[in-house]
């Protein structure tokens, strides 16, 4: 086998793998979809609404209280 065979057959082999890989993947996906009875694995929702609301004020007060404001200038006169 010389280098010319490699130059000719390597792209052909890559094309063969690409074509049959895509076709094989599509067939595999179709088979899995058929085995699931045509159902999708997720549910479509028009909107999401929370079942409850929670307001966490204590944590916010603690975080804000821990901050110290520093003015732009010195407070000494």
PDB file of N, CA and C in Angstrom:
ATOM      1  N   UNK A   1       0.852  -1.176   0.000  1.00  0.00           N
ATOM      2  CA  UNK A   1       0.000   0.000   0.000  1.00  0.00           C
ATOM      3  C   UNK A   1       0.894   1.233   0.000  1.00  0.00           C
ATOM      4  N   UNK A   2       0.686   2.070  -0.938  1.00  0.00           N
ATOM      5  CA  UNK A   2       1.505   3.271  -1.015  1.00  0.00           C
ATOM      6  C   UNK A   2       0.693   4.487  -0.585  1.00  0.00           C
ATOM      7  N   UNK A   3       1.309   5.631  -0.617  1.00  0.00           N
ATOM      8  CA  UNK A   3       0.668   6.837  -0.107  1.00  0.00           C
ATOM      9  C   UNK A   3      -0.520   7.257  -0.955  1.00  0.00           C
ATOM     10  N   UNK A   4      -0.526   6.912  -2.253  1.00  0.00           N
ATOM     11  CA  UNK A   4      -1.636   7.278  -3.126  1.00  0.00           C
ATOM     12  C   UNK A   4      -2.922   6.554  -2.713  1.00  0.00           C
ATOM     13  N   UNK A   5      -2.788   5.286  -2.319  1.00  0.00           N
ATOM     14  CA  UNK A   5      -3.960   4.557  -1.827  1.00  0.00           C
ATOM     15  C   UNK A   5      -4.534   5.227  -0.576  1.00  0.00           C
ATOM     16  N   UNK A   6      -3.658   5.667   0.286  1.00  0.00           N
ATOM     17  CA  UNK A   6      -4.092   6.328   1.511  1.00  0.00           C
ATOM     18  C   UNK A   6      -4.810   7.637   1.202  1.00  0.00           C
ATOM     19  N   UNK A   7      -4.278   8.395   0.259  1.00  0.00           N
ATOM     20  CA  UNK A   7      -4.880   9.674  -0.119  1.00  0.00           C
ATOM     21  C   UNK A   7      -6.248   9.461  -0.771  1.00  0.00           C
ATOM     22  N   UNK A   8      -6.406   8.393  -1.520  1.00  0.00           N
ATOM     23  CA  UNK A   8      -7.670   8.134  -2.213  1.00  0.00           C
ATOM     24  C   UNK A   8      -8.692   7.515  -1.282  1.00  0.00           C
ATOM     25  N   UNK A   9      -8.291   6.528  -0.504  1.00  0.00           N
ATOM     26  CA  UNK A   9      -9.250   5.761   0.274  1.00  0.00           C
ATOM     27  C   UNK A   9      -9.602   6.378   1.630  1.00  0.00           C
ATOM     28  N   UNK A  10      -8.766   7.212   2.188  1.00  0.00           N
ATOM     29  CA  UNK A  10      -9.079   7.836   3.472  1.00  0.00           C
ATOM     30  C   UNK A  10     -10.304   8.747   3.371  1.00  0.00           C
ATOM     31  N   UNK A  11     -10.382   9.638   2.375  1.00  0.00           N
ATOM     32  CA  UNK A  11     -11.610  10.451   2.267  1.00  0.00           C
ATOM     33  C   UNK A  11     -12.851   9.605   1.954  1.00  0.00           C
ATOM     34  N   UNK A  12     -12.691   8.558   1.156  1.00  0.00           N
ATOM     35  CA  UNK A  12     -13.827   7.691   0.860  1.00  0.00           C
ATOM     36  C   UNK A  12     -14.313   6.978   2.112  1.00  0.00           C
ATOM     37  N   UNK A  13     -13.386   6.523   2.929  1.00  0.00           N
ATOM     38  CA  UNK A  13     -13.743   5.860   4.169  1.00  0.00           C
ATOM     39  C   UNK A  13     -14.416   6.844   5.133  1.00  0.00           C
ATOM     40  N   UNK A  14     -13.933   8.064   5.193  1.00  0.00           N
ATOM     41  CA  UNK A  14     -14.547   9.078   6.052  1.00  0.00           C
ATOM     42  C   UNK A  14     -15.963   9.402   5.568  1.00  0.00           C
ATOM     43  N   UNK A  15     -16.151   9.518   4.271  1.00  0.00           N
ATOM     44  CA  UNK A  15     -17.476   9.788   3.708  1.00  0.00           C
ATOM     45  C   UNK A  15     -18.423   8.627   3.986  1.00  0.00           C
ATOM     46  N   UNK A  16     -17.937   7.416   3.834  1.00  0.00           N
ATOM     47  CA  UNK A  16     -18.737   6.229   4.131  1.00  0.00           C
ATOM     48  C   UNK A  16     -19.177   6.236   5.602  1.00  0.00           C
ATOM     49  N   UNK A  17     -18.257   6.526   6.499  1.00  0.00           N
ATOM     50  CA  UNK A  17     -18.594   6.578   7.925  1.00  0.00           C
ATOM     51  C   UNK A  17     -19.572   7.683   8.243  1.00  0.00           C
ATOM     52  N   UNK A  18     -19.408   8.836   7.598  1.00  0.00           N
ATOM     53  CA  UNK A  18     -20.310   9.949   7.830  1.00  0.00           C
ATOM     54  C   UNK A  18     -21.727   9.628   7.346  1.00  0.00           C
ATOM     55  N   UNK A  19     -21.827   9.089   6.144  1.00  0.00           N
ATOM     56  CA  UNK A  19     -23.143   8.783   5.581  1.00  0.00           C
ATOM     57  C   UNK A  19     -23.849   7.714   6.405  1.00  0.00           C
ATOM     58  N   UNK A  20     -23.162   6.623   6.682  1.00  0.00           N
ATOM     59  CA  UNK A  20     -23.806   5.545   7.409  1.00  0.00           C
ATOM     60  C   UNK A  20     -23.958   5.864   8.893  1.00  0.00           C
ATOM     61  N   UNK A  21     -23.148   6.746   9.416  1.00  0.00           N
ATOM     62  CA  UNK A  21     -23.325   7.193  10.792  1.00  0.00           C
ATOM     63  C   UNK A  21     -24.583   8.022  10.943  1.00  0.00           C
ATOM     64  N   UNK A  22     -24.821   8.915   9.995  1.00  0.00           N
ATOM     65  CA  UNK A  22     -26.020   9.752  10.037  1.00  0.00           C
ATOM     66  C   UNK A  22     -27.260   8.898   9.816  1.00  0.00           C
ATOM     67  N   UNK A  23     -27.198   8.022   8.827  1.00  0.00           N
ATOM     68  CA  UNK A  23     -28.347   7.147   8.551  1.00  0.00           C
ATOM     69  C   UNK A  23     -28.589   6.211   9.730  1.00  0.00           C
ATOM     70  N   UNK A  24     -27.532   5.651  10.285  1.00  0.00           N
ATOM     71  CA  UNK A  24     -27.669   4.766  11.441  1.00  0.00           C
ATOM     72  C   UNK A  24     -28.228   5.492  12.649  1.00  0.00           C
ATOM     73  N   UNK A  25     -27.790   6.716  12.867  1.00  0.00           N
ATOM     74  CA  UNK A  25     -28.307   7.505  13.980  1.00  0.00           C
ATOM     75  C   UNK A  25     -29.776   7.837  13.806  1.00  0.00           C
ATOM     76  N   UNK A  26     -30.167   8.154  12.583  1.00  0.00           N
ATOM     77  CA  UNK A  26     -31.572   8.455  12.314  1.00  0.00           C
ATOM     78  C   UNK A  26     -32.429   7.213  12.511  1.00  0.00           C
ATOM     79  N   UNK A  27     -31.947   6.069  12.039  1.00  0.00           N
ATOM     80  CA  UNK A  27     -32.702   4.821  12.212  1.00  0.00           C
ATOM     81  C   UNK A  27     -32.804   4.447  13.688  1.00  0.00           C
ATOM     82  N   UNK A  28     -31.737   4.659  14.441  1.00  0.00           N
ATOM     83  CA  UNK A  28     -31.750   4.367  15.868  1.00  0.00           C
ATOM     84  C   UNK A  28     -32.749   5.265  16.590  1.00  0.00           C
ATOM     85  N   UNK A  29     -32.792   6.545  16.232  1.00  0.00           N
ATOM     86  CA  UNK A  29     -33.747   7.469  16.825  1.00  0.00           C
ATOM     87  C   UNK A  29     -35.182   7.098  16.491  1.00  0.00           C
ATOM     88  N   UNK A  30     -35.410   6.685  15.252  1.00  0.00           N
ATOM     89  CA  UNK A  30     -36.753   6.261  14.852  1.00  0.00           C
ATOM     90  C   UNK A  30     -37.176   5.009  15.610  1.00  0.00           C
ATOM     91  N   UNK A  31     -36.238   4.084  15.806  1.00  0.00           N
ATOM     92  CA  UNK A  31     -36.531   2.857  16.539  1.00  0.00           C
ATOM     93  C   UNK A  31     -36.887   3.169  17.990  1.00  0.00           C
ATOM     94  N   UNK A  32     -36.116   4.039  18.639  1.00  0.00           N
ATOM     95  CA  UNK A  32     -36.413   4.402  20.021  1.00  0.00           C
ATOM     96  C   UNK A  32     -37.753   5.115  20.138  1.00  0.00           C
ATOM     97  N   UNK A  33     -38.059   5.985  19.183  1.00  0.00           N
ATOM     98  CA  UNK A  33     -39.343   6.685  19.201  1.00  0.00           C
ATOM     99  C   UNK A  33     -40.489   5.692  19.048  1.00  0.00           C
ATOM    100  N   UNK A  34     -40.319   4.699  18.192  1.00  0.00           N
ATOM    101  CA  UNK A  34     -41.363   3.696  17.995  1.00  0.00           C
ATOM    102  C   UNK A  34     -41.534   2.830  19.248  1.00  0.00           C
ATOM    103  N   UNK A  35     -40.425   2.510  19.913  1.00  0.00           N
ATOM    104  CA  UNK A  35     -40.508   1.691  21.123  1.00  0.00           C
ATOM    105  C   UNK A  35     -41.196   2.440  22.270  1.00  0.00           C
ATOM    106  N   UNK A  36     -41.134   3.759  22.264  1.00  0.00           N
ATOM    107  CA  UNK A  36     -41.790   4.561  23.303  1.00  0.00           C
ATOM    108  C   UNK A  36     -43.246   4.837  22.955  1.00  0.00           C
ATOM    109  N   UNK A  37     -43.726   4.288  21.882  1.00  0.00           N
ATOM    110  CA  UNK A  37     -45.112   4.492  21.488  1.00  0.00           C
ATOM    111  C   UNK A  37     -45.373   5.873  20.911  1.00  0.00           C
ATOM    112  N   UNK A  38     -44.356   6.538  20.435  1.00  0.00           N
ATOM    113  CA  UNK A  38     -44.520   7.863  19.853  1.00  0.00           C
ATOM    114  C   UNK A  38     -44.602   8.978  20.876  1.00  0.00           C
ATOM    115  N   UNK A  39     -44.439   8.663  22.156  1.00  0.00           N
ATOM    116  CA  UNK A  39     -44.486   9.694  23.205  1.00  0.00           C
ATOM    117  C   UNK A  39     -43.137  10.383  23.302  1.00  0.00           C
ATOM    118  N   UNK A  40     -43.193  11.658  23.648  1.00  0.00           N
ATOM    119  CA  UNK A  40     -41.973  12.399  23.908  1.00  0.00           C
ATOM    120  C   UNK A  40     -41.566  12.193  25.364  1.00  0.00           C
ATOM    121  N   UNK A  41     -40.340  12.445  25.670  1.00  0.00           N
ATOM    122  CA  UNK A  41     -39.856  12.264  27.042  1.00  0.00           C
ATOM    123  C   UNK A  41     -40.004  13.528  27.872  1.00  0.00           C
ATOM    124  N   UNK A  42     -40.659  14.551  27.372  1.00  0.00           N
ATOM    125  CA  UNK A  42     -40.916  15.745  28.145  1.00  0.00           C
ATOM    126  C   UNK A  42     -42.354  16.185  27.901  1.00  0.00           C
ATOM    127  N   UNK A  43     -42.842  16.995  28.782  1.00  0.00           N
ATOM    128  CA  UNK A  43     -44.207  17.502  28.659  1.00  0.00           C
ATOM    129  C   UNK A  43     -44.160  18.970  28.254  1.00  0.00           C
ATOM    130  N   UNK A  44     -44.997  19.346  27.335  1.00  0.00           N
ATOM    131  CA  UNK A  44     -45.079  20.741  26.917  1.00  0.00           C
ATOM    132  C   UNK A  44     -45.998  21.495  27.864  1.00  0.00           C
ATOM    133  N   UNK A  45     -45.569  22.655  28.288  1.00  0.00           N
ATOM    134  CA  UNK A  45     -46.357  23.492  29.192  1.00  0.00           C
ATOM    135  C   UNK A  45     -46.537  24.859  28.557  1.00  0.00           C
ATOM    136  N   UNK A  46     -47.711  25.440  28.711  1.00  0.00           N
ATOM    137  CA  UNK A  46     -47.930  26.792  28.211  1.00  0.00           C
ATOM    138  C   UNK A  46     -47.282  27.812  29.142  1.00  0.00           C
ATOM    139  N   UNK A  47     -47.349  27.562  30.435  1.00  0.00           N
ATOM    140  CA  UNK A  47     -46.744  28.480  31.392  1.00  0.00           C
ATOM    141  C   UNK A  47     -46.404  27.706  32.655  1.00  0.00           C
ATOM    142  N   UNK A  48     -45.520  28.288  33.424  1.00  0.00           N
ATOM    143  CA  UNK A  48     -45.148  27.693  34.704  1.00  0.00           C
ATOM    144  C   UNK A  48     -45.620  28.625  35.807  1.00  0.00           C
ATOM    145  N   UNK A  49     -46.311  28.062  36.774  1.00  0.00           N
ATOM    146  CA  UNK A  49     -46.769  28.858  37.906  1.00  0.00           C
ATOM    147  C   UNK A  49     -46.314  28.175  39.186  1.00  0.00           C
ATOM    148  N   UNK A  50     -45.740  28.946  40.099  1.00  0.00           N
ATOM    149  CA  UNK A  50     -45.284  28.337  41.348  1.00  0.00           C
ATOM    150  C   UNK A  50     -46.453  27.875  42.205  1.00  0.00           C
ATOM    151  N   UNK A  51     -46.215  26.829  42.968  1.00  0.00           N
ATOM    152  CA  UNK A  51     -47.259  26.335  43.863  1.00  0.00           C
ATOM    153  C   UNK A  51     -47.275  27.118  45.170  1.00  0.00           C
ATOM    154  N   UNK A  52     -46.171  27.803  45.497  1.00  0.00           N
ATOM    155  CA  UNK A  52     -46.120  28.616  46.701  1.00  0.00           C
ATOM    156  C   UNK A  52     -45.064  29.698  46.530  1.00  0.00           C
ATOM    157  N   UNK A  53     -45.176  30.724  47.333  1.00  0.00           N
ATOM    158  CA  UNK A  53     -44.218  31.821  47.349  1.00  0.00           C
ATOM    159  C   UNK A  53     -43.596  31.895  48.733  1.00  0.00           C
ATOM    160  N   UNK A  54     -42.348  32.285  48.779  1.00  0.00           N
ATOM    161  CA  UNK A  54     -41.676  32.407  50.067  1.00  0.00           C
ATOM    162  C   UNK A  54     -40.865  33.701  50.060  1.00  0.00           C
ATOM    163  N   UNK A  55     -41.072  34.515  51.070  1.00  0.00           N
ATOM    164  CA  UNK A  55     -40.344  35.767  51.189  1.00  0.00           C
ATOM    165  C   UNK A  55     -39.359  35.611  52.333  1.00  0.00           C
ATOM    166  N   UNK A  56     -38.089  35.798  52.023  1.00  0.00           N
ATOM    167  CA  UNK A  56     -37.044  35.631  53.025  1.00  0.00           C
ATOM    168  C   UNK A  56     -36.508  37.015  53.376  1.00  0.00           C
ATOM    169  N   UNK A  57     -37.061  37.594  54.435  1.00  0.00           N
ATOM    170  CA  UNK A  57     -36.676  38.943  54.839  1.00  0.00           C
ATOM    171  C   UNK A  57     -35.501  38.911  55.809  1.00  0.00           C
ATOM    172  N   UNK A  58     -35.500  37.949  56.710  1.00  0.00           N
ATOM    173  CA  UNK A  58     -34.434  37.893  57.709  1.00  0.00           C
ATOM    174  C   UNK A  58     -33.057  37.802  57.050  1.00  0.00           C
ATOM    175  N   UNK A  59     -32.942  36.997  56.027  1.00  0.00           N
ATOM    176  CA  UNK A  59     -31.655  36.835  55.350  1.00  0.00           C
ATOM    177  C   UNK A  59     -31.251  38.138  54.669  1.00  0.00           C
ATOM    178  N   UNK A  60     -32.193  38.827  54.041  1.00  0.00           N
ATOM    179  CA  UNK A  60     -31.889  40.087  53.366  1.00  0.00           C
ATOM    180  C   UNK A  60     -31.452  41.149  54.367  1.00  0.00           C
ATOM    181  N   UNK A  61     -32.120  41.219  55.501  1.00  0.00           N
ATOM    182  CA  UNK A  61     -31.755  42.199  56.530  1.00  0.00           C
ATOM    183  C   UNK A  61     -30.357  41.897  57.060  1.00  0.00           C
ATOM    184  N   UNK A  62     -30.060  40.638  57.254  1.00  0.00           N
ATOM    185  CA  UNK A  62     -28.734  40.265  57.748  1.00  0.00           C
ATOM    186  C   UNK A  62     -27.648  40.639  56.745  1.00  0.00           C
ATOM    187  N   UNK A  63     -27.914  40.387  55.464  1.00  0.00           N
ATOM    188  CA  UNK A  63     -26.914  40.715  54.452  1.00  0.00           C
ATOM    189  C   UNK A  63     -26.729  42.218  54.310  1.00  0.00           C
ATOM    190  N   UNK A  64     -27.831  42.960  54.297  1.00  0.00           N
ATOM    191  CA  UNK A  64     -27.731  44.414  54.169  1.00  0.00           C
ATOM    192  C   UNK A  64     -27.098  45.024  55.412  1.00  0.00           C
ATOM    193  N   UNK A  65     -27.417  44.491  56.584  1.00  0.00           N
ATOM    194  CA  UNK A  65     -26.837  44.996  57.822  1.00  0.00           C
ATOM    195  C   UNK A  65     -25.347  44.761  57.902  1.00  0.00           C
ATOM    196  N   UNK A  66     -24.858  43.742  57.217  1.00  0.00           N
ATOM    197  CA  UNK A  66     -23.426  43.449  57.223  1.00  0.00           C
ATOM    198  C   UNK A  66     -22.630  44.368  56.320  1.00  0.00           C
ATOM    199  N   UNK A  67     -23.320  45.082  55.433  1.00  0.00           N
ATOM    200  CA  UNK A  67     -22.620  45.993  54.529  1.00  0.00           C
ATOM    201  C   UNK A  67     -22.362  47.314  55.231  1.00  0.00           C
ATOM    202  N   UNK A  68     -21.198  47.854  55.003  1.00  0.00           N
ATOM    203  CA  UNK A  68     -20.888  49.151  55.569  1.00  0.00           C
ATOM    204  C   UNK A  68     -20.722  50.121  54.406  1.00  0.00           C
ATOM    205  N   UNK A  69     -21.401  51.218  54.508  1.00  0.00           N
ATOM    206  CA  UNK A  69     -21.281  52.212  53.439  1.00  0.00           C
ATOM    207  C   UNK A  69     -20.087  53.081  53.721  1.00  0.00           C
ATOM    208  N   UNK A  70     -19.296  53.307  52.722  1.00  0.00           N
ATOM    209  CA  UNK A  70     -18.148  54.188  52.833  1.00  0.00           C
ATOM    210  C   UNK A  70     -18.371  55.334  51.879  1.00  0.00           C
ATOM    211  N   UNK A  71     -18.344  56.507  52.397  1.00  0.00           N
ATOM    212  CA  UNK A  71     -18.557  57.707  51.554  1.00  0.00           C
ATOM    213  C   UNK A  71     -17.354  57.957  50.680  1.00  0.00           C
ATOM    214  N   UNK A  72     -17.532  58.901  49.807  1.00  0.00           N
ATOM    215  CA  UNK A  72     -16.448  59.216  48.889  1.00  0.00           C
ATOM    216  C   UNK A  72     -15.298  59.932  49.570  1.00  0.00           C
ATOM    217  N   UNK A  73     -15.560  60.631  50.674  1.00  0.00           N
ATOM    218  CA  UNK A  73     -14.495  61.402  51.299  1.00  0.00           C
ATOM    219  C   UNK A  73     -14.331  61.035  52.761  1.00  0.00           C
ATOM    220  N   UNK A  74     -13.411  61.685  53.406  1.00  0.00           N
ATOM    221  CA  UNK A  74     -13.160  61.445  54.821  1.00  0.00           C
ATOM    222  C   UNK A  74     -14.188  62.165  55.670  1.00  0.00           C
ATOM    223  N   UNK A  75     -14.539  61.583  56.816  1.00  0.00           N
ATOM    224  CA  UNK A  75     -15.516  62.218  57.717  1.00  0.00           C
ATOM    225  C   UNK A  75     -14.842  63.113  58.727  1.00  0.00           C
ATOM    226  N   UNK A  76     -13.518  63.119  58.784  1.00  0.00           N
ATOM    227  CA  UNK A  76     -12.809  63.983  59.736  1.00  0.00           C
ATOM    228  C   UNK A  76     -12.795  65.425  59.241  1.00  0.00           C
ATOM    229  N   UNK A  77     -12.839  66.331  60.177  1.00  0.00           N
ATOM    230  CA  UNK A  77     -12.804  67.745  59.830  1.00  0.00           C
ATOM    231  C   UNK A  77     -11.577  68.406  60.360  1.00  0.00           C
TER     232      UNK A  77
END
